[in-house]
Structures are given as C-alpha cells and as structure tokens.
Amino acid sequence: MKQKTEKSTLVRLVDDDLDLLEGLTYMLEEEGWKVRTYPNAESFLELDDKNTPGCIVLDYIMPRVRGVELQQILEKRGFKQPVLFLTAHADLDMAISVFRKGAENLLKKPVDPDELLEAIRKAVERDRRQRGEVKKSAGRYAALSEREREVIRLVNEGLMNNQIAERLGLSERTVESHRFHAYQKIGISTAKELRRFLEEAN
C-alpha cells in the first residue's frame, strides 16, 4: 500500500554507494515517497533546503565527511529534520553516540525494507509534529506586546527582575507584571520551557 504524503515532504538519502541509492529510491518511490539522493555530504550541504519537511537518511561511514559529522553540521545550520543512520558495522558504542547526538534511528545494512519504511514513517510524523509546535509557538510569540518580548528575552539571558527593570528603565513591579502576563499568554512557567519556546518561535 502506497504511503500518502504531502507533496512538500521529502526523504533525503545521503550515501556514497550509488547502487544502494538507486535501489532505495526505487523502493521508496514505489511506496509513494518523494526522494532526493546525494552521493556525499558536500553535495547535500550545497543543494538541500533546510526548510523542506521530511527526514534525512545518512550513511554512517562516508569519504571525507562522515555521517555523524554531517549530523553535527546540520544541527549548527538549523536543519530540524529527524536523522536516521544506515551502517554495515553497527555496535553498541556507535548506537550510543548517534542517539546521544539526537539521531532518530540506526539501522544495519543490508537494511530490511519494512524496517526502513517504518522508521521513515515515524521520522516524518515526528517532523510534522515538531513543525506544528513551532508554528504554534510563533503564533503565541506574535501575540505578545513588544515590551513583553523584551522582558522574556532578558529573562532567557539569565537576568533577574531587578536587573531587567534597570536595563529597560522600568519599575521592578512593572517587569514582574509583563513577565507574568507573557508567561500566561505563551503557556509556560519555567526557564527551561521559556528557552525551548523562544527557540521554536524564532
């Protein structure tokens, strides 16, 4: 049964094994996925669009830039899509390493088609949920007044209410009021939640 996907959803395959790329592309397209392939990390970084939803399937060991190194570059460049790794030499240390760095999954080559399809489906669904949360956060941020935005940005920098008051030329009570109403509007209560909210909203 073919997968019903949004036209904008893209599965990226990054692997220096061209035969594998061809085989996986055929399989995934037969299942209804839109696929784009890259033979190395450099071509991916040059040509891919970080704003296109979907997921990224990386070979763990590639010439020059290894998959795990590419994963770190993607994070720095603002790629939010879930990352899945393929490898012919999986071991416990490798698995621990990639999952600590935020990988969605690690699959061993030769990969089982059903296992890969299920992993991609879950990754794309997580990407969709994440993008929905980002959109909601952006909407809540837009509902704040400019002063409320100033206050919560300074809170996020670690400033206390009295320090914010001095920075903005306000009374401490006024800062407390802006902070309280901002927290209510965006639905958070802790510094950790605020940090995550601002990352999503911006």
N, C-alpha and C. Protein backbone atom coordinates (compact mmCIF):
# COMPACT_ATOMS: atom_id res chain seq x y z
N MET A 1 0.84 -1.19 0.00
CA MET A 1 0.00 0.00 0.00
C MET A 1 0.87 1.25 0.00
N LYS A 2 0.61 2.16 -0.93
CA LYS A 2 1.45 3.34 -1.03
C LYS A 2 1.17 4.31 0.11
N GLN A 3 2.26 4.97 0.55
CA GLN A 3 2.18 5.95 1.61
C GLN A 3 1.59 7.24 1.05
N LYS A 4 0.59 7.80 1.74
CA LYS A 4 0.06 9.11 1.35
C LYS A 4 0.91 10.18 2.02
N THR A 5 1.58 10.99 1.23
CA THR A 5 2.46 12.02 1.78
C THR A 5 2.12 13.38 1.21
N GLU A 6 2.45 14.42 1.97
CA GLU A 6 2.33 15.77 1.44
C GLU A 6 3.36 15.96 0.35
N LYS A 7 3.01 16.76 -0.66
CA LYS A 7 3.91 16.95 -1.79
C LYS A 7 5.24 17.57 -1.35
N SER A 8 5.19 18.34 -0.26
CA SER A 8 6.41 19.02 0.19
C SER A 8 7.31 18.12 1.03
N THR A 9 6.80 16.97 1.48
CA THR A 9 7.58 16.08 2.33
C THR A 9 8.63 15.34 1.51
N LEU A 10 9.87 15.36 1.99
CA LEU A 10 10.99 14.81 1.22
C LEU A 10 11.84 13.88 2.07
N VAL A 11 12.16 12.71 1.52
CA VAL A 11 13.11 11.80 2.14
C VAL A 11 14.45 11.99 1.44
N ARG A 12 15.47 12.43 2.19
CA ARG A 12 16.81 12.60 1.61
C ARG A 12 17.63 11.36 1.92
N LEU A 13 18.34 10.85 0.93
CA LEU A 13 19.25 9.73 1.10
C LEU A 13 20.66 10.21 0.80
N VAL A 14 21.56 10.07 1.76
CA VAL A 14 22.95 10.51 1.58
C VAL A 14 23.85 9.30 1.78
N ASP A 15 24.46 8.81 0.68
CA ASP A 15 25.27 7.60 0.74
C ASP A 15 26.18 7.57 -0.48
N ASP A 16 27.42 7.12 -0.28
CA ASP A 16 28.35 7.06 -1.41
C ASP A 16 28.19 5.77 -2.23
N ASP A 17 27.31 4.88 -1.81
CA ASP A 17 27.01 3.65 -2.55
C ASP A 17 25.88 3.96 -3.55
N LEU A 18 26.25 4.19 -4.81
CA LEU A 18 25.26 4.62 -5.79
C LEU A 18 24.24 3.53 -6.10
N ASP A 19 24.67 2.27 -6.07
CA ASP A 19 23.73 1.18 -6.30
C ASP A 19 22.67 1.14 -5.19
N LEU A 20 23.11 1.36 -3.97
CA LEU A 20 22.18 1.37 -2.85
C LEU A 20 21.19 2.53 -2.99
N LEU A 21 21.70 3.70 -3.37
CA LEU A 21 20.83 4.85 -3.56
C LEU A 21 19.75 4.56 -4.59
N GLU A 22 20.17 3.94 -5.69
CA GLU A 22 19.22 3.62 -6.75
C GLU A 22 18.15 2.65 -6.26
N GLY A 23 18.58 1.62 -5.54
CA GLY A 23 17.64 0.62 -5.05
C GLY A 23 16.67 1.18 -4.03
N LEU A 24 17.18 1.96 -3.09
CA LEU A 24 16.31 2.54 -2.07
C LEU A 24 15.35 3.56 -2.66
N THR A 25 15.85 4.34 -3.62
CA THR A 25 14.99 5.32 -4.27
C THR A 25 13.81 4.64 -4.95
N TYR A 26 14.09 3.58 -5.69
CA TYR A 26 13.02 2.85 -6.38
C TYR A 26 12.00 2.33 -5.38
N MET A 27 12.48 1.72 -4.29
CA MET A 27 11.57 1.16 -3.29
C MET A 27 10.71 2.24 -2.66
N LEU A 28 11.33 3.33 -2.26
CA LEU A 28 10.60 4.39 -1.56
C LEU A 28 9.60 5.08 -2.48
N GLU A 29 10.00 5.32 -3.72
CA GLU A 29 9.06 5.96 -4.65
C GLU A 29 7.89 5.05 -4.96
N GLU A 30 8.13 3.75 -4.99
CA GLU A 30 7.05 2.80 -5.19
C GLU A 30 6.05 2.86 -4.03
N GLU A 31 6.53 3.24 -2.86
CA GLU A 31 5.67 3.35 -1.68
C GLU A 31 5.05 4.74 -1.55
N GLY A 32 5.32 5.60 -2.52
CA GLY A 32 4.69 6.91 -2.53
C GLY A 32 5.50 8.05 -1.96
N TRP A 33 6.75 7.79 -1.58
CA TRP A 33 7.59 8.84 -1.01
C TRP A 33 8.27 9.66 -2.10
N LYS A 34 8.43 10.93 -1.84
CA LYS A 34 9.24 11.79 -2.70
C LYS A 34 10.68 11.69 -2.18
N VAL A 35 11.63 11.39 -3.07
CA VAL A 35 13.01 11.09 -2.65
C VAL A 35 14.00 11.96 -3.40
N ARG A 36 15.04 12.38 -2.69
CA ARG A 36 16.18 13.06 -3.33
C ARG A 36 17.46 12.41 -2.80
N THR A 37 18.40 12.15 -3.71
CA THR A 37 19.62 11.44 -3.31
C THR A 37 20.86 12.33 -3.45
N TYR A 38 21.84 12.05 -2.60
CA TYR A 38 23.12 12.76 -2.62
C TYR A 38 24.23 11.75 -2.40
N PRO A 39 25.30 11.78 -3.23
CA PRO A 39 26.38 10.79 -3.10
C PRO A 39 27.39 11.11 -2.01
N ASN A 40 27.29 12.29 -1.41
CA ASN A 40 28.22 12.67 -0.35
C ASN A 40 27.65 13.82 0.46
N ALA A 41 28.29 14.10 1.58
CA ALA A 41 27.82 15.17 2.46
C ALA A 41 27.93 16.54 1.81
N GLU A 42 28.99 16.74 1.04
CA GLU A 42 29.21 18.06 0.43
C GLU A 42 28.08 18.44 -0.51
N SER A 43 27.64 17.50 -1.34
CA SER A 43 26.56 17.82 -2.28
C SER A 43 25.25 18.08 -1.53
N PHE A 44 25.04 17.35 -0.45
CA PHE A 44 23.84 17.59 0.35
C PHE A 44 23.84 19.01 0.91
N LEU A 45 24.96 19.40 1.50
CA LEU A 45 25.04 20.73 2.12
C LEU A 45 24.91 21.84 1.09
N GLU A 46 25.36 21.59 -0.11
CA GLU A 46 25.30 22.60 -1.16
C GLU A 46 23.90 22.74 -1.75
N LEU A 47 23.18 21.64 -1.86
CA LEU A 47 21.95 21.65 -2.66
C LEU A 47 20.65 21.53 -1.86
N ASP A 48 20.70 21.00 -0.65
CA ASP A 48 19.44 20.74 0.05
C ASP A 48 18.89 21.99 0.71
N ASP A 49 17.58 21.98 0.93
CA ASP A 49 16.88 23.10 1.55
C ASP A 49 16.41 22.69 2.95
N LYS A 50 16.93 23.38 3.95
CA LYS A 50 16.62 23.00 5.33
C LYS A 50 15.16 23.25 5.70
N ASN A 51 14.45 24.04 4.89
CA ASN A 51 13.06 24.35 5.20
C ASN A 51 12.08 23.31 4.67
N THR A 52 12.55 22.36 3.87
CA THR A 52 11.68 21.33 3.32
C THR A 52 11.48 20.23 4.36
N PRO A 53 10.23 19.94 4.74
CA PRO A 53 9.99 18.93 5.77
C PRO A 53 10.30 17.52 5.27
N GLY A 54 10.42 16.59 6.22
CA GLY A 54 10.69 15.20 5.87
C GLY A 54 11.67 14.58 6.83
N CYS A 55 12.65 13.84 6.30
CA CYS A 55 13.69 13.24 7.13
C CYS A 55 14.95 13.05 6.30
N ILE A 56 16.05 12.72 6.98
CA ILE A 56 17.35 12.57 6.33
C ILE A 56 17.91 11.20 6.71
N VAL A 57 18.26 10.41 5.69
CA VAL A 57 18.83 9.07 5.92
C VAL A 57 20.31 9.13 5.53
N LEU A 58 21.20 8.95 6.52
CA LEU A 58 22.63 9.11 6.30
C LEU A 58 23.39 7.79 6.42
N ASP A 59 24.35 7.60 5.53
CA ASP A 59 25.31 6.52 5.71
C ASP A 59 26.26 6.94 6.82
N TYR A 60 26.53 6.04 7.75
CA TYR A 60 27.38 6.40 8.89
C TYR A 60 28.82 6.66 8.45
N ILE A 61 29.34 5.83 7.52
CA ILE A 61 30.73 5.97 7.09
C ILE A 61 30.76 6.38 5.62
N MET A 62 31.22 7.62 5.37
CA MET A 62 31.37 8.13 4.00
C MET A 62 32.74 8.78 3.88
N PRO A 63 33.26 8.91 2.66
CA PRO A 63 34.55 9.58 2.47
C PRO A 63 34.48 11.05 2.91
N ARG A 64 35.59 11.54 3.41
CA ARG A 64 35.77 12.94 3.80
C ARG A 64 34.90 13.32 5.01
N VAL A 65 33.59 13.55 4.80
CA VAL A 65 32.71 13.93 5.90
C VAL A 65 31.84 12.73 6.27
N ARG A 66 32.06 12.18 7.45
CA ARG A 66 31.29 11.02 7.90
C ARG A 66 29.86 11.44 8.26
N GLY A 67 28.98 10.45 8.31
CA GLY A 67 27.58 10.75 8.60
C GLY A 67 27.38 11.46 9.91
N VAL A 68 28.08 11.02 10.96
CA VAL A 68 27.91 11.64 12.26
C VAL A 68 28.45 13.07 12.28
N GLU A 69 29.47 13.34 11.48
CA GLU A 69 29.98 14.71 11.36
C GLU A 69 28.98 15.58 10.62
N LEU A 70 28.35 15.02 9.59
CA LEU A 70 27.32 15.76 8.86
C LEU A 70 26.14 16.07 9.78
N GLN A 71 25.79 15.13 10.63
CA GLN A 71 24.69 15.35 11.59
C GLN A 71 24.97 16.59 12.45
N GLN A 72 26.21 16.74 12.91
CA GLN A 72 26.57 17.89 13.74
C GLN A 72 26.53 19.19 12.94
N ILE A 73 26.96 19.14 11.68
CA ILE A 73 26.90 20.32 10.81
C ILE A 73 25.45 20.74 10.58
N LEU A 74 24.59 19.76 10.36
CA LEU A 74 23.18 20.05 10.11
C LEU A 74 22.56 20.76 11.30
N GLU A 75 22.90 20.31 12.49
CA GLU A 75 22.35 20.94 13.70
C GLU A 75 22.79 22.40 13.78
N LYS A 76 24.06 22.66 13.48
CA LYS A 76 24.58 24.03 13.53
C LYS A 76 23.93 24.91 12.47
N ARG A 77 23.57 24.33 11.35
CA ARG A 77 22.97 25.10 10.24
C ARG A 77 21.45 25.21 10.34
N GLY A 78 20.88 24.64 11.38
CA GLY A 78 19.45 24.80 11.60
C GLY A 78 18.55 23.79 10.92
N PHE A 79 19.11 22.65 10.50
CA PHE A 79 18.27 21.58 9.97
C PHE A 79 17.55 20.91 11.14
N LYS A 80 16.23 20.82 11.05
CA LYS A 80 15.43 20.24 12.14
C LYS A 80 14.90 18.85 11.81
N GLN A 81 15.07 18.40 10.57
CA GLN A 81 14.50 17.11 10.18
C GLN A 81 15.16 15.97 10.96
N PRO A 82 14.38 14.97 11.36
CA PRO A 82 14.94 13.80 12.04
C PRO A 82 15.97 13.10 11.15
N VAL A 83 17.02 12.56 11.78
CA VAL A 83 18.10 11.89 11.06
C VAL A 83 18.09 10.40 11.39
N LEU A 84 18.15 9.56 10.35
CA LEU A 84 18.30 8.12 10.51
C LEU A 84 19.65 7.72 9.93
N PHE A 85 20.32 6.79 10.58
CA PHE A 85 21.62 6.31 10.09
C PHE A 85 21.49 4.90 9.54
N LEU A 86 22.26 4.65 8.47
CA LEU A 86 22.44 3.30 7.95
C LEU A 86 23.92 2.96 8.10
N THR A 87 24.21 1.73 8.53
CA THR A 87 25.61 1.33 8.67
C THR A 87 25.74 -0.18 8.51
N ALA A 88 26.88 -0.59 7.98
CA ALA A 88 27.16 -2.02 7.86
C ALA A 88 27.90 -2.54 9.09
N HIS A 89 28.28 -1.65 10.01
CA HIS A 89 29.13 -2.03 11.13
C HIS A 89 28.60 -1.48 12.45
N ALA A 90 27.34 -1.71 12.73
CA ALA A 90 26.74 -1.18 13.95
C ALA A 90 27.29 -1.88 15.18
N ASP A 91 27.55 -1.12 16.22
CA ASP A 91 27.90 -1.68 17.52
C ASP A 91 27.30 -0.79 18.60
N LEU A 92 27.42 -1.22 19.84
CA LEU A 92 26.77 -0.51 20.95
C LEU A 92 27.31 0.90 21.10
N ASP A 93 28.63 1.07 21.02
CA ASP A 93 29.22 2.40 21.19
C ASP A 93 28.72 3.35 20.10
N MET A 94 28.63 2.86 18.87
CA MET A 94 28.14 3.68 17.77
C MET A 94 26.69 4.10 18.03
N ALA A 95 25.88 3.14 18.45
CA ALA A 95 24.47 3.44 18.71
C ALA A 95 24.32 4.50 19.80
N ILE A 96 25.07 4.33 20.88
CA ILE A 96 25.01 5.30 21.98
C ILE A 96 25.41 6.68 21.49
N SER A 97 26.46 6.75 20.67
CA SER A 97 26.96 8.02 20.16
C SER A 97 25.92 8.75 19.32
N VAL A 98 25.32 8.06 18.35
CA VAL A 98 24.39 8.74 17.44
C VAL A 98 23.10 9.12 18.16
N PHE A 99 22.64 8.28 19.09
CA PHE A 99 21.40 8.62 19.79
C PHE A 99 21.63 9.79 20.75
N ARG A 100 22.79 9.86 21.36
CA ARG A 100 23.09 11.00 22.22
C ARG A 100 23.12 12.30 21.43
N LYS A 101 23.51 12.21 20.17
CA LYS A 101 23.55 13.39 19.32
C LYS A 101 22.21 13.69 18.66
N GLY A 102 21.19 12.90 19.01
CA GLY A 102 19.84 13.23 18.55
C GLY A 102 19.32 12.45 17.37
N ALA A 103 19.99 11.36 16.98
CA ALA A 103 19.52 10.57 15.83
C ALA A 103 18.18 9.93 16.14
N GLU A 104 17.37 9.79 15.12
CA GLU A 104 16.06 9.16 15.25
C GLU A 104 16.18 7.64 15.30
N ASN A 105 17.12 7.08 14.51
CA ASN A 105 17.25 5.63 14.44
C ASN A 105 18.60 5.26 13.85
N LEU A 106 19.01 4.02 14.07
CA LEU A 106 20.23 3.46 13.50
C LEU A 106 19.89 2.07 12.97
N LEU A 107 19.98 1.89 11.66
CA LEU A 107 19.60 0.64 11.01
C LEU A 107 20.82 0.01 10.35
N LYS A 108 20.89 -1.31 10.45
CA LYS A 108 22.05 -2.01 9.92
C LYS A 108 21.84 -2.44 8.47
N LYS A 109 22.87 -2.25 7.65
CA LYS A 109 22.86 -2.72 6.26
C LYS A 109 23.21 -4.21 6.23
N PRO A 110 22.66 -4.98 5.29
CA PRO A 110 21.61 -4.55 4.36
C PRO A 110 20.30 -4.34 5.11
N VAL A 111 19.68 -3.18 4.87
CA VAL A 111 18.53 -2.79 5.66
C VAL A 111 17.28 -3.54 5.21
N ASP A 112 16.49 -3.95 6.18
CA ASP A 112 15.21 -4.58 5.89
C ASP A 112 14.24 -3.53 5.37
N PRO A 113 13.65 -3.72 4.19
CA PRO A 113 12.78 -2.69 3.60
C PRO A 113 11.63 -2.27 4.51
N ASP A 114 10.97 -3.23 5.15
CA ASP A 114 9.85 -2.89 6.02
C ASP A 114 10.31 -2.09 7.23
N GLU A 115 11.48 -2.45 7.76
CA GLU A 115 12.03 -1.74 8.92
C GLU A 115 12.37 -0.30 8.54
N LEU A 116 12.97 -0.12 7.35
CA LEU A 116 13.31 1.23 6.89
C LEU A 116 12.05 2.06 6.65
N LEU A 117 11.05 1.47 6.01
CA LEU A 117 9.81 2.20 5.73
C LEU A 117 9.14 2.65 7.02
N GLU A 118 9.12 1.78 8.01
CA GLU A 118 8.50 2.13 9.29
C GLU A 118 9.30 3.23 10.00
N ALA A 119 10.63 3.15 9.92
CA ALA A 119 11.47 4.17 10.55
C ALA A 119 11.27 5.52 9.87
N ILE A 120 11.16 5.53 8.56
CA ILE A 120 10.94 6.78 7.82
C ILE A 120 9.56 7.35 8.15
N ARG A 121 8.56 6.48 8.19
CA ARG A 121 7.22 6.95 8.52
C ARG A 121 7.18 7.64 9.89
N LYS A 122 7.81 7.01 10.88
CA LYS A 122 7.84 7.59 12.22
C LYS A 122 8.62 8.90 12.25
N ALA A 123 9.74 8.94 11.51
CA ALA A 123 10.56 10.15 11.49
C ALA A 123 9.82 11.32 10.86
N VAL A 124 9.13 11.06 9.75
CA VAL A 124 8.38 12.11 9.07
C VAL A 124 7.22 12.59 9.94
N GLU A 125 6.59 11.68 10.64
CA GLU A 125 5.50 12.07 11.53
C GLU A 125 6.02 12.93 12.67
N ARG A 126 7.18 12.61 13.20
CA ARG A 126 7.77 13.44 14.26
C ARG A 126 8.13 14.81 13.74
N ASP A 127 8.65 14.87 12.51
CA ASP A 127 8.97 16.16 11.90
C ASP A 127 7.71 17.01 11.75
N ARG A 128 6.62 16.36 11.35
CA ARG A 128 5.35 17.08 11.17
C ARG A 128 4.86 17.64 12.51
N ARG A 129 4.96 16.83 13.56
CA ARG A 129 4.53 17.30 14.89
C ARG A 129 5.39 18.46 15.35
N GLN A 130 6.71 18.34 15.15
CA GLN A 130 7.62 19.40 15.58
C GLN A 130 7.31 20.71 14.86
N ARG A 131 7.07 20.62 13.56
CA ARG A 131 6.77 21.83 12.79
C ARG A 131 5.45 22.45 13.23
N GLY A 132 4.51 21.60 13.63
CA GLY A 132 3.25 22.12 14.15
C GLY A 132 3.46 22.89 15.44
N GLU A 133 4.33 22.36 16.31
CA GLU A 133 4.64 23.04 17.57
C GLU A 133 5.35 24.36 17.33
N VAL A 134 6.25 24.38 16.36
CA VAL A 134 6.97 25.62 16.02
C VAL A 134 6.00 26.68 15.53
N LYS A 135 5.05 26.27 14.70
CA LYS A 135 4.06 27.20 14.17
C LYS A 135 3.20 27.78 15.29
N LYS A 136 2.80 26.92 16.24
CA LYS A 136 2.01 27.39 17.37
C LYS A 136 2.80 28.37 18.22
N SER A 137 4.07 28.05 18.46
CA SER A 137 4.92 28.93 19.27
C SER A 137 5.09 30.28 18.61
N ALA A 138 5.27 30.28 17.30
CA ALA A 138 5.43 31.55 16.57
C ALA A 138 4.17 32.39 16.69
N GLY A 139 3.01 31.74 16.66
CA GLY A 139 1.75 32.47 16.81
C GLY A 139 1.59 33.07 18.20
N ARG A 140 1.97 32.31 19.22
CA ARG A 140 1.88 32.83 20.59
C ARG A 140 2.88 33.97 20.80
N TYR A 141 4.06 33.83 20.21
CA TYR A 141 5.06 34.90 20.34
C TYR A 141 4.56 36.19 19.70
N ALA A 142 3.88 36.06 18.55
CA ALA A 142 3.37 37.23 17.84
C ALA A 142 2.29 37.94 18.66
N ALA A 143 1.62 37.21 19.56
CA ALA A 143 0.56 37.80 20.36
C ALA A 143 1.09 38.62 21.53
N LEU A 144 2.37 38.52 21.82
CA LEU A 144 2.97 39.29 22.91
C LEU A 144 3.17 40.74 22.50
N SER A 145 3.11 41.64 23.48
CA SER A 145 3.47 43.03 23.21
C SER A 145 4.99 43.13 23.06
N GLU A 146 5.45 44.20 22.46
CA GLU A 146 6.89 44.37 22.28
C GLU A 146 7.61 44.39 23.63
N ARG A 147 7.01 45.02 24.63
CA ARG A 147 7.63 45.08 25.95
C ARG A 147 7.69 43.69 26.57
N GLU A 148 6.65 42.90 26.42
CA GLU A 148 6.66 41.53 26.95
C GLU A 148 7.75 40.70 26.29
N ARG A 149 7.95 40.90 24.99
CA ARG A 149 9.02 40.18 24.29
C ARG A 149 10.39 40.58 24.84
N GLU A 150 10.56 41.89 25.06
CA GLU A 150 11.84 42.35 25.62
C GLU A 150 12.10 41.70 26.97
N VAL A 151 11.09 41.67 27.80
CA VAL A 151 11.26 41.13 29.15
C VAL A 151 11.62 39.66 29.11
N ILE A 152 10.89 38.85 28.33
CA ILE A 152 11.17 37.41 28.35
C ILE A 152 12.51 37.08 27.66
N ARG A 153 12.91 37.90 26.70
CA ARG A 153 14.24 37.67 26.11
C ARG A 153 15.33 37.89 27.14
N LEU A 154 15.16 38.91 27.97
CA LEU A 154 16.15 39.19 29.01
C LEU A 154 16.09 38.14 30.13
N VAL A 155 14.90 37.66 30.43
CA VAL A 155 14.78 36.55 31.38
C VAL A 155 15.55 35.35 30.86
N ASN A 156 15.41 35.09 29.57
CA ASN A 156 16.09 33.95 28.96
C ASN A 156 17.60 34.10 28.99
N GLU A 157 18.08 35.34 29.04
CA GLU A 157 19.52 35.60 29.13
C GLU A 157 20.03 35.41 30.56
N GLY A 158 19.11 35.20 31.50
CA GLY A 158 19.51 34.94 32.88
C GLY A 158 19.42 36.13 33.80
N LEU A 159 18.84 37.24 33.34
CA LEU A 159 18.74 38.43 34.18
C LEU A 159 17.60 38.29 35.18
N MET A 160 17.79 38.86 36.38
CA MET A 160 16.76 38.89 37.40
C MET A 160 15.82 40.06 37.11
N ASN A 161 14.66 40.07 37.79
CA ASN A 161 13.67 41.13 37.55
C ASN A 161 14.24 42.52 37.81
N ASN A 162 15.01 42.67 38.89
CA ASN A 162 15.57 43.99 39.19
C ASN A 162 16.59 44.42 38.14
N GLN A 163 17.33 43.47 37.59
CA GLN A 163 18.30 43.79 36.53
C GLN A 163 17.58 44.19 35.24
N ILE A 164 16.49 43.50 34.94
CA ILE A 164 15.70 43.83 33.75
C ILE A 164 15.08 45.22 33.91
N ALA A 165 14.59 45.49 35.09
CA ALA A 165 13.99 46.81 35.36
C ALA A 165 15.01 47.92 35.12
N GLU A 166 16.22 47.71 35.60
CA GLU A 166 17.28 48.72 35.40
C GLU A 166 17.63 48.84 33.92
N ARG A 167 17.72 47.71 33.22
CA ARG A 167 18.07 47.72 31.80
C ARG A 167 17.02 48.47 30.97
N LEU A 168 15.75 48.27 31.29
CA LEU A 168 14.67 48.83 30.47
C LEU A 168 14.12 50.15 31.02
N GLY A 169 14.61 50.58 32.18
CA GLY A 169 14.12 51.82 32.76
C GLY A 169 12.70 51.70 33.29
N LEU A 170 12.38 50.54 33.86
CA LEU A 170 11.05 50.29 34.39
C LEU A 170 11.14 49.99 35.88
N SER A 171 9.99 49.99 36.54
CA SER A 171 9.97 49.56 37.94
C SER A 171 10.01 48.03 37.97
N GLU A 172 10.47 47.48 39.07
CA GLU A 172 10.53 46.03 39.18
C GLU A 172 9.12 45.43 39.16
N ARG A 173 8.16 46.14 39.74
CA ARG A 173 6.78 45.65 39.73
C ARG A 173 6.25 45.56 38.29
N THR A 174 6.59 46.55 37.46
CA THR A 174 6.15 46.55 36.06
C THR A 174 6.76 45.37 35.31
N VAL A 175 8.04 45.11 35.56
CA VAL A 175 8.70 43.96 34.93
C VAL A 175 8.01 42.66 35.35
N GLU A 176 7.70 42.54 36.64
CA GLU A 176 7.02 41.34 37.13
C GLU A 176 5.67 41.16 36.44
N SER A 177 4.97 42.26 36.22
CA SER A 177 3.66 42.20 35.56
C SER A 177 3.81 41.75 34.11
N HIS A 178 4.77 42.34 33.39
CA HIS A 178 4.99 41.95 32.00
C HIS A 178 5.39 40.47 31.91
N ARG A 179 6.23 40.06 32.82
CA ARG A 179 6.69 38.68 32.81
C ARG A 179 5.54 37.72 33.10
N PHE A 180 4.72 38.05 34.07
CA PHE A 180 3.58 37.21 34.43
C PHE A 180 2.62 37.06 33.26
N HIS A 181 2.26 38.19 32.63
CA HIS A 181 1.30 38.15 31.52
C HIS A 181 1.89 37.44 30.30
N ALA A 182 3.18 37.62 30.06
CA ALA A 182 3.81 36.92 28.94
C ALA A 182 3.78 35.41 29.15
N TYR A 183 4.12 34.98 30.35
CA TYR A 183 4.11 33.55 30.67
C TYR A 183 2.71 32.98 30.50
N GLN A 184 1.70 33.75 30.91
CA GLN A 184 0.33 33.29 30.77
C GLN A 184 -0.05 33.12 29.29
N LYS A 185 0.32 34.10 28.47
CA LYS A 185 -0.04 34.08 27.05
C LYS A 185 0.61 32.92 26.32
N ILE A 186 1.85 32.61 26.67
CA ILE A 186 2.56 31.57 25.92
C ILE A 186 2.46 30.20 26.59
N GLY A 187 1.88 30.17 27.80
CA GLY A 187 1.60 28.89 28.45
C GLY A 187 2.81 28.17 28.99
N ILE A 188 3.73 28.94 29.60
CA ILE A 188 4.91 28.30 30.20
C ILE A 188 5.07 28.79 31.64
N SER A 189 5.94 28.10 32.40
CA SER A 189 6.11 28.50 33.80
C SER A 189 7.56 28.40 34.29
N THR A 190 8.45 27.82 33.48
CA THR A 190 9.84 27.64 33.92
C THR A 190 10.82 28.20 32.90
N ALA A 191 12.06 28.41 33.35
CA ALA A 191 13.11 28.93 32.48
C ALA A 191 13.41 27.95 31.34
N LYS A 192 13.36 26.66 31.63
CA LYS A 192 13.62 25.65 30.61
C LYS A 192 12.56 25.70 29.52
N GLU A 193 11.30 25.84 29.93
CA GLU A 193 10.21 25.95 28.97
C GLU A 193 10.34 27.22 28.14
N LEU A 194 10.77 28.30 28.78
CA LEU A 194 10.95 29.56 28.06
C LEU A 194 12.02 29.44 27.00
N ARG A 195 13.14 28.79 27.35
CA ARG A 195 14.23 28.62 26.40
C ARG A 195 13.76 27.84 25.17
N ARG A 196 13.04 26.78 25.42
CA ARG A 196 12.53 25.95 24.31
C ARG A 196 11.53 26.74 23.48
N PHE A 197 10.65 27.49 24.15
CA PHE A 197 9.65 28.28 23.43
C PHE A 197 10.31 29.29 22.50
N LEU A 198 11.31 30.00 22.99
CA LEU A 198 11.97 31.01 22.17
C LEU A 198 12.74 30.38 21.00
N GLU A 199 13.30 29.21 21.22
CA GLU A 199 13.97 28.51 20.13
C GLU A 199 12.98 28.14 19.02
N GLU A 200 11.79 27.70 19.42
CA GLU A 200 10.77 27.32 18.45
C GLU A 200 10.18 28.55 17.76
N ALA A 201 9.95 29.61 18.54
CA ALA A 201 9.27 30.78 17.99
C ALA A 201 10.15 31.58 17.05
N ASN A 202 11.46 31.44 17.21
CA ASN A 202 12.37 32.24 16.39
C ASN A 202 13.19 31.35 15.47
